[in-house]
Amino acid sequence: MNEEQMQQYSQIVAKCWADATFKAQLIADPKAALAAEGIVVPEGIELRVLENTPTTVNLVLPPPPAEGELSDEDLGAVTGGGLCCEASSTC
């Protein structure tokens, strides 16, 4: 995510926390809710909104890389990366 997208994401999260109606719309029809905020989701992209709670954390798996994109060294660096979740206080 680039800096502009991170800022937009932060604004959407803040709006969900402040506006239960918007949050419900975002969960029910993410593309329409984001379009109303000036954020266009490209055609062919399916978007799902999940909400973490104090007892439920959603783990999102990225798509696998294309064949030959990661060397064993690169893969080791990725698997050694950090994992942080809101439910953990050890982040």
PDB file of N, CA and C in Angstrom:
ATOM      1  N   MET A   1       0.852  -1.168   0.000  1.00  0.00           N
ATOM      2  CA  MET A   1       0.000   0.000   0.000  1.00  0.00           C
ATOM      3  C   MET A   1       0.901   1.234   0.000  1.00  0.00           C
ATOM      4  N   ASN A   2       0.598   2.179  -0.858  1.00  0.00           N
ATOM      5  CA  ASN A   2       1.394   3.404  -0.859  1.00  0.00           C
ATOM      6  C   ASN A   2       0.878   4.367   0.225  1.00  0.00           C
ATOM      7  N   GLU A   3       1.579   5.482   0.385  1.00  0.00           N
ATOM      8  CA  GLU A   3       1.247   6.423   1.463  1.00  0.00           C
ATOM      9  C   GLU A   3      -0.172   6.993   1.322  1.00  0.00           C
ATOM     10  N   GLU A   4      -0.563   7.329   0.114  1.00  0.00           N
ATOM     11  CA  GLU A   4      -1.916   7.869  -0.101  1.00  0.00           C
ATOM     12  C   GLU A   4      -2.976   6.833   0.252  1.00  0.00           C
ATOM     13  N   GLN A   5      -2.756   5.582  -0.155  1.00  0.00           N
ATOM     14  CA  GLN A   5      -3.710   4.524   0.158  1.00  0.00           C
ATOM     15  C   GLN A   5      -3.783   4.274   1.661  1.00  0.00           C
ATOM     16  N   MET A   6      -2.646   4.349   2.347  1.00  0.00           N
ATOM     17  CA  MET A   6      -2.642   4.182   3.802  1.00  0.00           C
ATOM     18  C   MET A   6      -3.445   5.289   4.474  1.00  0.00           C
ATOM     19  N   GLN A   7      -3.320   6.512   3.965  1.00  0.00           N
ATOM     20  CA  GLN A   7      -4.076   7.632   4.527  1.00  0.00           C
ATOM     21  C   GLN A   7      -5.575   7.425   4.293  1.00  0.00           C
ATOM     22  N   GLN A   8      -5.945   6.993   3.087  1.00  0.00           N
ATOM     23  CA  GLN A   8      -7.358   6.730   2.794  1.00  0.00           C
ATOM     24  C   GLN A   8      -7.891   5.619   3.696  1.00  0.00           C
ATOM     25  N   TYR A   9      -7.102   4.567   3.855  1.00  0.00           N
ATOM     26  CA  TYR A   9      -7.506   3.450   4.707  1.00  0.00           C
ATOM     27  C   TYR A   9      -7.731   3.940   6.144  1.00  0.00           C
ATOM     28  N   SER A  10      -6.812   4.742   6.640  1.00  0.00           N
ATOM     29  CA  SER A  10      -6.942   5.279   7.999  1.00  0.00           C
ATOM     30  C   SER A  10      -8.217   6.099   8.153  1.00  0.00           C
ATOM     31  N   GLN A  11      -8.542   6.882   7.142  1.00  0.00           N
ATOM     32  CA  GLN A  11      -9.761   7.700   7.188  1.00  0.00           C
ATOM     33  C   GLN A  11     -11.016   6.827   7.169  1.00  0.00           C
ATOM     34  N   ILE A  12     -10.990   5.753   6.401  1.00  0.00           N
ATOM     35  CA  ILE A  12     -12.136   4.836   6.336  1.00  0.00           C
ATOM     36  C   ILE A  12     -12.319   4.149   7.688  1.00  0.00           C
ATOM     37  N   VAL A  13     -11.225   3.680   8.294  1.00  0.00           N
ATOM     38  CA  VAL A  13     -11.309   3.032   9.607  1.00  0.00           C
ATOM     39  C   VAL A  13     -11.878   4.011  10.637  1.00  0.00           C
ATOM     40  N   ALA A  14     -11.361   5.232  10.649  1.00  0.00           N
ATOM     41  CA  ALA A  14     -11.847   6.240  11.604  1.00  0.00           C
ATOM     42  C   ALA A  14     -13.329   6.519  11.395  1.00  0.00           C
ATOM     43  N   LYS A  15     -13.756   6.575  10.140  1.00  0.00           N
ATOM     44  CA  LYS A  15     -15.176   6.834   9.863  1.00  0.00           C
ATOM     45  C   LYS A  15     -16.034   5.663  10.350  1.00  0.00           C
ATOM     46  N   CYS A  16     -15.540   4.436  10.189  1.00  0.00           N
ATOM     47  CA  CYS A  16     -16.283   3.262  10.683  1.00  0.00           C
ATOM     48  C   CYS A  16     -16.444   3.320  12.195  1.00  0.00           C
ATOM     49  N   TRP A  17     -15.392   3.739  12.895  1.00  0.00           N
ATOM     50  CA  TRP A  17     -15.466   3.832  14.355  1.00  0.00           C
ATOM     51  C   TRP A  17     -16.458   4.899  14.794  1.00  0.00           C
ATOM     52  N   ALA A  18     -16.591   5.951  14.007  1.00  0.00           N
ATOM     53  CA  ALA A  18     -17.450   7.078  14.392  1.00  0.00           C
ATOM     54  C   ALA A  18     -18.874   6.971  13.857  1.00  0.00           C
ATOM     55  N   ASP A  19     -19.088   6.159  12.818  1.00  0.00           N
ATOM     56  CA  ASP A  19     -20.373   6.153  12.115  1.00  0.00           C
ATOM     57  C   ASP A  19     -20.814   4.708  11.861  1.00  0.00           C
ATOM     58  N   ALA A  20     -21.685   4.200  12.724  1.00  0.00           N
ATOM     59  CA  ALA A  20     -22.143   2.811  12.616  1.00  0.00           C
ATOM     60  C   ALA A  20     -22.879   2.543  11.305  1.00  0.00           C
ATOM     61  N   THR A  21     -23.583   3.536  10.792  1.00  0.00           N
ATOM     62  CA  THR A  21     -24.306   3.361   9.525  1.00  0.00           C
ATOM     63  C   THR A  21     -23.316   3.166   8.379  1.00  0.00           C
ATOM     64  N   PHE A  22     -22.269   3.990   8.343  1.00  0.00           N
ATOM     65  CA  PHE A  22     -21.253   3.838   7.304  1.00  0.00           C
ATOM     66  C   PHE A  22     -20.564   2.483   7.415  1.00  0.00           C
ATOM     67  N   LYS A  23     -20.257   2.075   8.632  1.00  0.00           N
ATOM     68  CA  LYS A  23     -19.617   0.776   8.846  1.00  0.00           C
ATOM     69  C   LYS A  23     -20.488  -0.354   8.301  1.00  0.00           C
ATOM     70  N   ALA A  24     -21.771  -0.306   8.572  1.00  0.00           N
ATOM     71  CA  ALA A  24     -22.695  -1.328   8.067  1.00  0.00           C
ATOM     72  C   ALA A  24     -22.731  -1.318   6.548  1.00  0.00           C
ATOM     73  N   GLN A  25     -22.733  -0.127   5.942  1.00  0.00           N
ATOM     74  CA  GLN A  25     -22.716  -0.021   4.481  1.00  0.00           C
ATOM     75  C   GLN A  25     -21.422  -0.588   3.910  1.00  0.00           C
ATOM     76  N   LEU A  26     -20.298  -0.288   4.550  1.00  0.00           N
ATOM     77  CA  LEU A  26     -19.008  -0.780   4.082  1.00  0.00           C
ATOM     78  C   LEU A  26     -18.957  -2.302   4.123  1.00  0.00           C
ATOM     79  N   ILE A  27     -19.487  -2.887   5.182  1.00  0.00           N
ATOM     80  CA  ILE A  27     -19.501  -4.348   5.299  1.00  0.00           C
ATOM     81  C   ILE A  27     -20.451  -4.959   4.267  1.00  0.00           C
ATOM     82  N   ALA A  28     -21.611  -4.342   4.055  1.00  0.00           N
ATOM     83  CA  ALA A  28     -22.615  -4.886   3.142  1.00  0.00           C
ATOM     84  C   ALA A  28     -22.230  -4.720   1.677  1.00  0.00           C
ATOM     85  N   ASP A  29     -21.668  -3.563   1.312  1.00  0.00           N
ATOM     86  CA  ASP A  29     -21.332  -3.271  -0.088  1.00  0.00           C
ATOM     87  C   ASP A  29     -20.073  -2.406  -0.136  1.00  0.00           C
ATOM     88  N   PRO A  30     -18.910  -3.047   0.037  1.00  0.00           N
ATOM     89  CA  PRO A  30     -17.669  -2.280   0.144  1.00  0.00           C
ATOM     90  C   PRO A  30     -17.391  -1.360  -1.042  1.00  0.00           C
ATOM     91  N   LYS A  31     -17.609  -1.839  -2.245  1.00  0.00           N
ATOM     92  CA  LYS A  31     -17.309  -1.015  -3.428  1.00  0.00           C
ATOM     93  C   LYS A  31     -18.150   0.249  -3.460  1.00  0.00           C
ATOM     94  N   ALA A  32     -19.428   0.123  -3.174  1.00  0.00           N
ATOM     95  CA  ALA A  32     -20.309   1.295  -3.200  1.00  0.00           C
ATOM     96  C   ALA A  32     -19.949   2.269  -2.088  1.00  0.00           C
ATOM     97  N   ALA A  33     -19.679   1.751  -0.894  1.00  0.00           N
ATOM     98  CA  ALA A  33     -19.335   2.624   0.235  1.00  0.00           C
ATOM     99  C   ALA A  33     -18.025   3.362  -0.036  1.00  0.00           C
ATOM    100  N   LEU A  34     -17.044   2.670  -0.594  1.00  0.00           N
ATOM    101  CA  LEU A  34     -15.775   3.316  -0.908  1.00  0.00           C
ATOM    102  C   LEU A  34     -15.931   4.310  -2.057  1.00  0.00           C
ATOM    103  N   ALA A  35     -16.731   3.964  -3.058  1.00  0.00           N
ATOM    104  CA  ALA A  35     -16.969   4.886  -4.172  1.00  0.00           C
ATOM    105  C   ALA A  35     -17.583   6.180  -3.668  1.00  0.00           C
ATOM    106  N   ALA A  36     -18.485   6.081  -2.702  1.00  0.00           N
ATOM    107  CA  ALA A  36     -19.107   7.279  -2.132  1.00  0.00           C
ATOM    108  C   ALA A  36     -18.070   8.154  -1.411  1.00  0.00           C
ATOM    109  N   GLU A  37     -16.952   7.554  -1.027  1.00  0.00           N
ATOM    110  CA  GLU A  37     -15.866   8.292  -0.371  1.00  0.00           C
ATOM    111  C   GLU A  37     -14.786   8.718  -1.367  1.00  0.00           C
ATOM    112  N   GLY A  38     -15.032   8.446  -2.658  1.00  0.00           N
ATOM    113  CA  GLY A  38     -14.070   8.835  -3.688  1.00  0.00           C
ATOM    114  C   GLY A  38     -12.960   7.830  -3.927  1.00  0.00           C
ATOM    115  N   ILE A  39     -13.133   6.621  -3.437  1.00  0.00           N
ATOM    116  CA  ILE A  39     -12.135   5.563  -3.617  1.00  0.00           C
ATOM    117  C   ILE A  39     -12.715   4.522  -4.569  1.00  0.00           C
ATOM    118  N   VAL A  40     -12.082   4.363  -5.701  1.00  0.00           N
ATOM    119  CA  VAL A  40     -12.566   3.429  -6.715  1.00  0.00           C
ATOM    120  C   VAL A  40     -11.819   2.107  -6.604  1.00  0.00           C
ATOM    121  N   VAL A  41     -12.555   1.025  -6.545  1.00  0.00           N
ATOM    122  CA  VAL A  41     -11.979  -0.316  -6.557  1.00  0.00           C
ATOM    123  C   VAL A  41     -12.000  -0.780  -8.004  1.00  0.00           C
ATOM    124  N   PRO A  42     -10.850  -1.175  -8.547  1.00  0.00           N
ATOM    125  CA  PRO A  42     -10.792  -1.579  -9.965  1.00  0.00           C
ATOM    126  C   PRO A  42     -11.747  -2.720 -10.296  1.00  0.00           C
ATOM    127  N   GLU A  43     -12.231  -2.725 -11.526  1.00  0.00           N
ATOM    128  CA  GLU A  43     -13.074  -3.819 -12.014  1.00  0.00           C
ATOM    129  C   GLU A  43     -12.320  -5.131 -11.873  1.00  0.00           C
ATOM    130  N   GLY A  44     -13.049  -6.189 -11.597  1.00  0.00           N
ATOM    131  CA  GLY A  44     -12.442  -7.508 -11.475  1.00  0.00           C
ATOM    132  C   GLY A  44     -11.894  -7.801 -10.085  1.00  0.00           C
ATOM    133  N   ILE A  45     -11.956  -6.820  -9.181  1.00  0.00           N
ATOM    134  CA  ILE A  45     -11.486  -7.025  -7.809  1.00  0.00           C
ATOM    135  C   ILE A  45     -12.695  -7.256  -6.913  1.00  0.00           C
ATOM    136  N   GLU A  46     -12.691  -8.371  -6.209  1.00  0.00           N
ATOM    137  CA  GLU A  46     -13.727  -8.642  -5.202  1.00  0.00           C
ATOM    138  C   GLU A  46     -13.188  -8.149  -3.872  1.00  0.00           C
ATOM    139  N   LEU A  47     -13.985  -7.423  -3.143  1.00  0.00           N
ATOM    140  CA  LEU A  47     -13.545  -6.825  -1.890  1.00  0.00           C
ATOM    141  C   LEU A  47     -14.436  -7.316  -0.760  1.00  0.00           C
ATOM    142  N   ARG A  48     -13.821  -7.800   0.299  1.00  0.00           N
ATOM    143  CA  ARG A  48     -14.553  -8.240   1.488  1.00  0.00           C
ATOM    144  C   ARG A  48     -14.051  -7.450   2.687  1.00  0.00           C
ATOM    145  N   VAL A  49     -14.948  -7.051   3.539  1.00  0.00           N
ATOM    146  CA  VAL A  49     -14.585  -6.325   4.756  1.00  0.00           C
ATOM    147  C   VAL A  49     -14.832  -7.254   5.938  1.00  0.00           C
ATOM    148  N   LEU A  50     -13.786  -7.459   6.725  1.00  0.00           N
ATOM    149  CA  LEU A  50     -13.865  -8.269   7.936  1.00  0.00           C
ATOM    150  C   LEU A  50     -13.509  -7.379   9.107  1.00  0.00           C
ATOM    151  N   GLU A  51     -14.073  -7.673  10.255  1.00  0.00           N
ATOM    152  CA  GLU A  51     -13.796  -6.863  11.436  1.00  0.00           C
ATOM    153  C   GLU A  51     -13.140  -7.704  12.521  1.00  0.00           C
ATOM    154  N   ASN A  52     -11.992  -7.261  12.985  1.00  0.00           N
ATOM    155  CA  ASN A  52     -11.369  -7.894  14.144  1.00  0.00           C
ATOM    156  C   ASN A  52     -12.119  -7.453  15.395  1.00  0.00           C
ATOM    157  N   THR A  53     -12.167  -8.340  16.365  1.00  0.00           N
ATOM    158  CA  THR A  53     -12.770  -8.034  17.659  1.00  0.00           C
ATOM    159  C   THR A  53     -11.735  -8.368  18.734  1.00  0.00           C
ATOM    160  N   PRO A  54     -12.037  -8.089  19.985  1.00  0.00           N
ATOM    161  CA  PRO A  54     -11.071  -8.461  21.026  1.00  0.00           C
ATOM    162  C   PRO A  54     -10.775  -9.964  21.076  1.00  0.00           C
ATOM    163  N   THR A  55     -11.709 -10.786  20.578  1.00  0.00           N
ATOM    164  CA  THR A  55     -11.505 -12.240  20.633  1.00  0.00           C
ATOM    165  C   THR A  55     -11.383 -12.905  19.268  1.00  0.00           C
ATOM    166  N   THR A  56     -11.500 -12.144  18.190  1.00  0.00           N
ATOM    167  CA  THR A  56     -11.369 -12.684  16.835  1.00  0.00           C
ATOM    168  C   THR A  56     -10.419 -11.821  16.031  1.00  0.00           C
ATOM    169  N   VAL A  57      -9.389 -12.458  15.486  1.00  0.00           N
ATOM    170  CA  VAL A  57      -8.438 -11.763  14.627  1.00  0.00           C
ATOM    171  C   VAL A  57      -8.437 -12.480  13.279  1.00  0.00           C
ATOM    172  N   ASN A  58      -8.621 -11.721  12.210  1.00  0.00           N
ATOM    173  CA  ASN A  58      -8.631 -12.287  10.868  1.00  0.00           C
ATOM    174  C   ASN A  58      -7.212 -12.299  10.315  1.00  0.00           C
ATOM    175  N   LEU A  59      -6.774 -13.445   9.850  1.00  0.00           N
ATOM    176  CA  LEU A  59      -5.464 -13.604   9.244  1.00  0.00           C
ATOM    177  C   LEU A  59      -5.660 -13.628   7.734  1.00  0.00           C
ATOM    178  N   VAL A  60      -5.040 -12.693   7.039  1.00  0.00           N
ATOM    179  CA  VAL A  60      -5.187 -12.594   5.588  1.00  0.00           C
ATOM    180  C   VAL A  60      -3.930 -13.146   4.934  1.00  0.00           C
ATOM    181  N   LEU A  61      -4.111 -14.149   4.094  1.00  0.00           N
ATOM    182  CA  LEU A  61      -3.000 -14.736   3.374  1.00  0.00           C
ATOM    183  C   LEU A  61      -2.884 -14.082   1.999  1.00  0.00           C
ATOM    184  N   PRO A  62      -1.718 -13.581   1.639  1.00  0.00           N
ATOM    185  CA  PRO A  62      -1.546 -13.007   0.304  1.00  0.00           C
ATOM    186  C   PRO A  62      -1.510 -14.120  -0.742  1.00  0.00           C
ATOM    187  N   PRO A  63      -1.746 -13.777  -2.001  1.00  0.00           N
ATOM    188  CA  PRO A  63      -1.649 -14.809  -3.039  1.00  0.00           C
ATOM    189  C   PRO A  63      -0.205 -15.284  -3.148  1.00  0.00           C
ATOM    190  N   PRO A  64       0.007 -16.533  -3.565  1.00  0.00           N
ATOM    191  CA  PRO A  64       1.378 -17.022  -3.693  1.00  0.00           C
ATOM    192  C   PRO A  64       2.098 -16.297  -4.831  1.00  0.00           C
ATOM    193  N   PRO A  65       3.419 -16.176  -4.723  1.00  0.00           N
ATOM    194  CA  PRO A  65       4.166 -15.528  -5.805  1.00  0.00           C
ATOM    195  C   PRO A  65       4.158 -16.412  -7.050  1.00  0.00           C
ATOM    196  N   ALA A  66       4.374 -15.805  -8.186  1.00  0.00           N
ATOM    197  CA  ALA A  66       4.478 -16.570  -9.425  1.00  0.00           C
ATOM    198  C   ALA A  66       5.697 -17.487  -9.323  1.00  0.00           C
ATOM    199  N   GLU A  67       5.670 -18.570 -10.028  1.00  0.00           N
ATOM    200  CA  GLU A  67       6.757 -19.544 -10.031  1.00  0.00           C
ATOM    201  C   GLU A  67       8.106 -18.856 -10.230  1.00  0.00           C
ATOM    202  N   GLY A  68       9.040 -19.131  -9.335  1.00  0.00           N
ATOM    203  CA  GLY A  68      10.390 -18.621  -9.482  1.00  0.00           C
ATOM    204  C   GLY A  68      10.619 -17.203  -8.986  1.00  0.00           C
ATOM    205  N   GLU A  69       9.620 -16.572  -8.364  1.00  0.00           N
ATOM    206  CA  GLU A  69       9.781 -15.191  -7.920  1.00  0.00           C
ATOM    207  C   GLU A  69      10.583 -15.065  -6.633  1.00  0.00           C
ATOM    208  N   LEU A  70      10.523 -16.050  -5.745  1.00  0.00           N
ATOM    209  CA  LEU A  70      11.248 -15.970  -4.486  1.00  0.00           C
ATOM    210  C   LEU A  70      12.343 -17.028  -4.429  1.00  0.00           C
ATOM    211  N   SER A  71      13.564 -16.604  -4.095  1.00  0.00           N
ATOM    212  CA  SER A  71      14.640 -17.557  -3.855  1.00  0.00           C
ATOM    213  C   SER A  71      14.461 -18.127  -2.451  1.00  0.00           C
ATOM    214  N   ASP A  72      15.212 -19.164  -2.136  1.00  0.00           N
ATOM    215  CA  ASP A  72      15.145 -19.724  -0.784  1.00  0.00           C
ATOM    216  C   ASP A  72      15.541 -18.670   0.244  1.00  0.00           C
ATOM    217  N   GLU A  73      16.515 -17.828  -0.091  1.00  0.00           N
ATOM    218  CA  GLU A  73      16.947 -16.761   0.814  1.00  0.00           C
ATOM    219  C   GLU A  73      15.821 -15.749   1.038  1.00  0.00           C
ATOM    220  N   ASP A  74      15.146 -15.354  -0.059  1.00  0.00           N
ATOM    221  CA  ASP A  74      14.028 -14.421   0.051  1.00  0.00           C
ATOM    222  C   ASP A  74      12.920 -15.027   0.902  1.00  0.00           C
ATOM    223  N   LEU A  75      12.634 -16.303   0.667  1.00  0.00           N
ATOM    224  CA  LEU A  75      11.574 -16.978   1.417  1.00  0.00           C
ATOM    225  C   LEU A  75      11.914 -17.016   2.902  1.00  0.00           C
ATOM    226  N   GLY A  76      13.175 -17.246   3.238  1.00  0.00           N
ATOM    227  CA  GLY A  76      13.600 -17.241   4.634  1.00  0.00           C
ATOM    228  C   GLY A  76      13.395 -15.889   5.284  1.00  0.00           C
ATOM    229  N   ALA A  77      13.651 -14.825   4.530  1.00  0.00           N
ATOM    230  CA  ALA A  77      13.459 -13.474   5.060  1.00  0.00           C
ATOM    231  C   ALA A  77      11.985 -13.195   5.302  1.00  0.00           C
ATOM    232  N   VAL A  78      11.129 -13.679   4.421  1.00  0.00           N
ATOM    233  CA  VAL A  78       9.692 -13.463   4.561  1.00  0.00           C
ATOM    234  C   VAL A  78       9.161 -14.234   5.764  1.00  0.00           C
ATOM    235  N   THR A  79       9.546 -15.481   5.898  1.00  0.00           N
ATOM    236  CA  THR A  79       9.028 -16.285   7.003  1.00  0.00           C
ATOM    237  C   THR A  79       9.590 -15.843   8.338  1.00  0.00           C
ATOM    238  N   GLY A  80      10.696 -15.129   8.329  1.00  0.00           N
ATOM    239  CA  GLY A  80      11.269 -14.616   9.570  1.00  0.00           C
ATOM    240  C   GLY A  80      10.697 -13.275   9.959  1.00  0.00           C
ATOM    241  N   GLY A  81       9.775 -12.740   9.127  1.00  0.00           N
ATOM    242  CA  GLY A  81       9.182 -11.427   9.402  1.00  0.00           C
ATOM    243  C   GLY A  81       8.310 -11.467  10.638  1.00  0.00           C
ATOM    244  N   GLY A  82       8.003 -10.299  11.133  1.00  0.00           N
ATOM    245  CA  GLY A  82       7.209 -10.193  12.349  1.00  0.00           C
ATOM    246  C   GLY A  82       5.735 -10.385  12.104  1.00  0.00           C
ATOM    247  N   LEU A  83       5.039 -10.786  13.118  1.00  0.00           N
ATOM    248  CA  LEU A  83       3.590 -10.908  13.087  1.00  0.00           C
ATOM    249  C   LEU A  83       3.062 -10.113  14.258  1.00  0.00           C
ATOM    250  N   CYS A  84       2.178  -9.202  13.984  1.00  0.00           N
ATOM    251  CA  CYS A  84       1.610  -8.384  15.049  1.00  0.00           C
ATOM    252  C   CYS A  84       0.102  -8.364  14.884  1.00  0.00           C
ATOM    253  N   CYS A  85      -0.583  -8.552  15.964  1.00  0.00           N
ATOM    254  CA  CYS A  85      -2.036  -8.483  15.902  1.00  0.00           C
ATOM    255  C   CYS A  85      -2.530  -7.701  17.103  1.00  0.00           C
ATOM    256  N   GLU A  86      -3.688  -7.101  16.949  1.00  0.00           N
ATOM    257  CA  GLU A  86      -4.245  -6.268  18.001  1.00  0.00           C
ATOM    258  C   GLU A  86      -4.531  -7.054  19.276  1.00  0.00           C
ATOM    259  N   ALA A  87      -4.799  -8.338  19.136  1.00  0.00           N
ATOM    260  CA  ALA A  87      -5.138  -9.146  20.311  1.00  0.00           C
ATOM    261  C   ALA A  87      -3.908  -9.426  21.165  1.00  0.00           C
ATOM    262  N   SER A  88      -2.732  -9.215  20.601  1.00  0.00           N
ATOM    263  CA  SER A  88      -1.500  -9.474  21.339  1.00  0.00           C
ATOM    264  C   SER A  88      -0.937  -8.192  21.907  1.00  0.00           C
ATOM    265  N   SER A  89      -0.483  -8.246  23.121  1.00  0.00           N
ATOM    266  CA  SER A  89       0.131  -7.071  23.727  1.00  0.00           C
ATOM    267  C   SER A  89       1.643  -7.133  23.627  1.00  0.00           C
ATOM    268  N   THR A  90       2.169  -8.129  22.897  1.00  0.00           N
ATOM    269  CA  THR A  90       3.609  -8.282  22.793  1.00  0.00           C
ATOM    270  C   THR A  90       4.160  -7.755  21.498  1.00  0.00           C
ATOM    271  N   CYS A  91       3.406  -6.969  20.771  1.00  0.00           N
ATOM    272  CA  CYS A  91       3.850  -6.436  19.482  1.00  0.00           C
ATOM    273  C   CYS A  91       4.852  -5.312  19.670  1.00  0.00           C
TER     274      CYS A  91
END
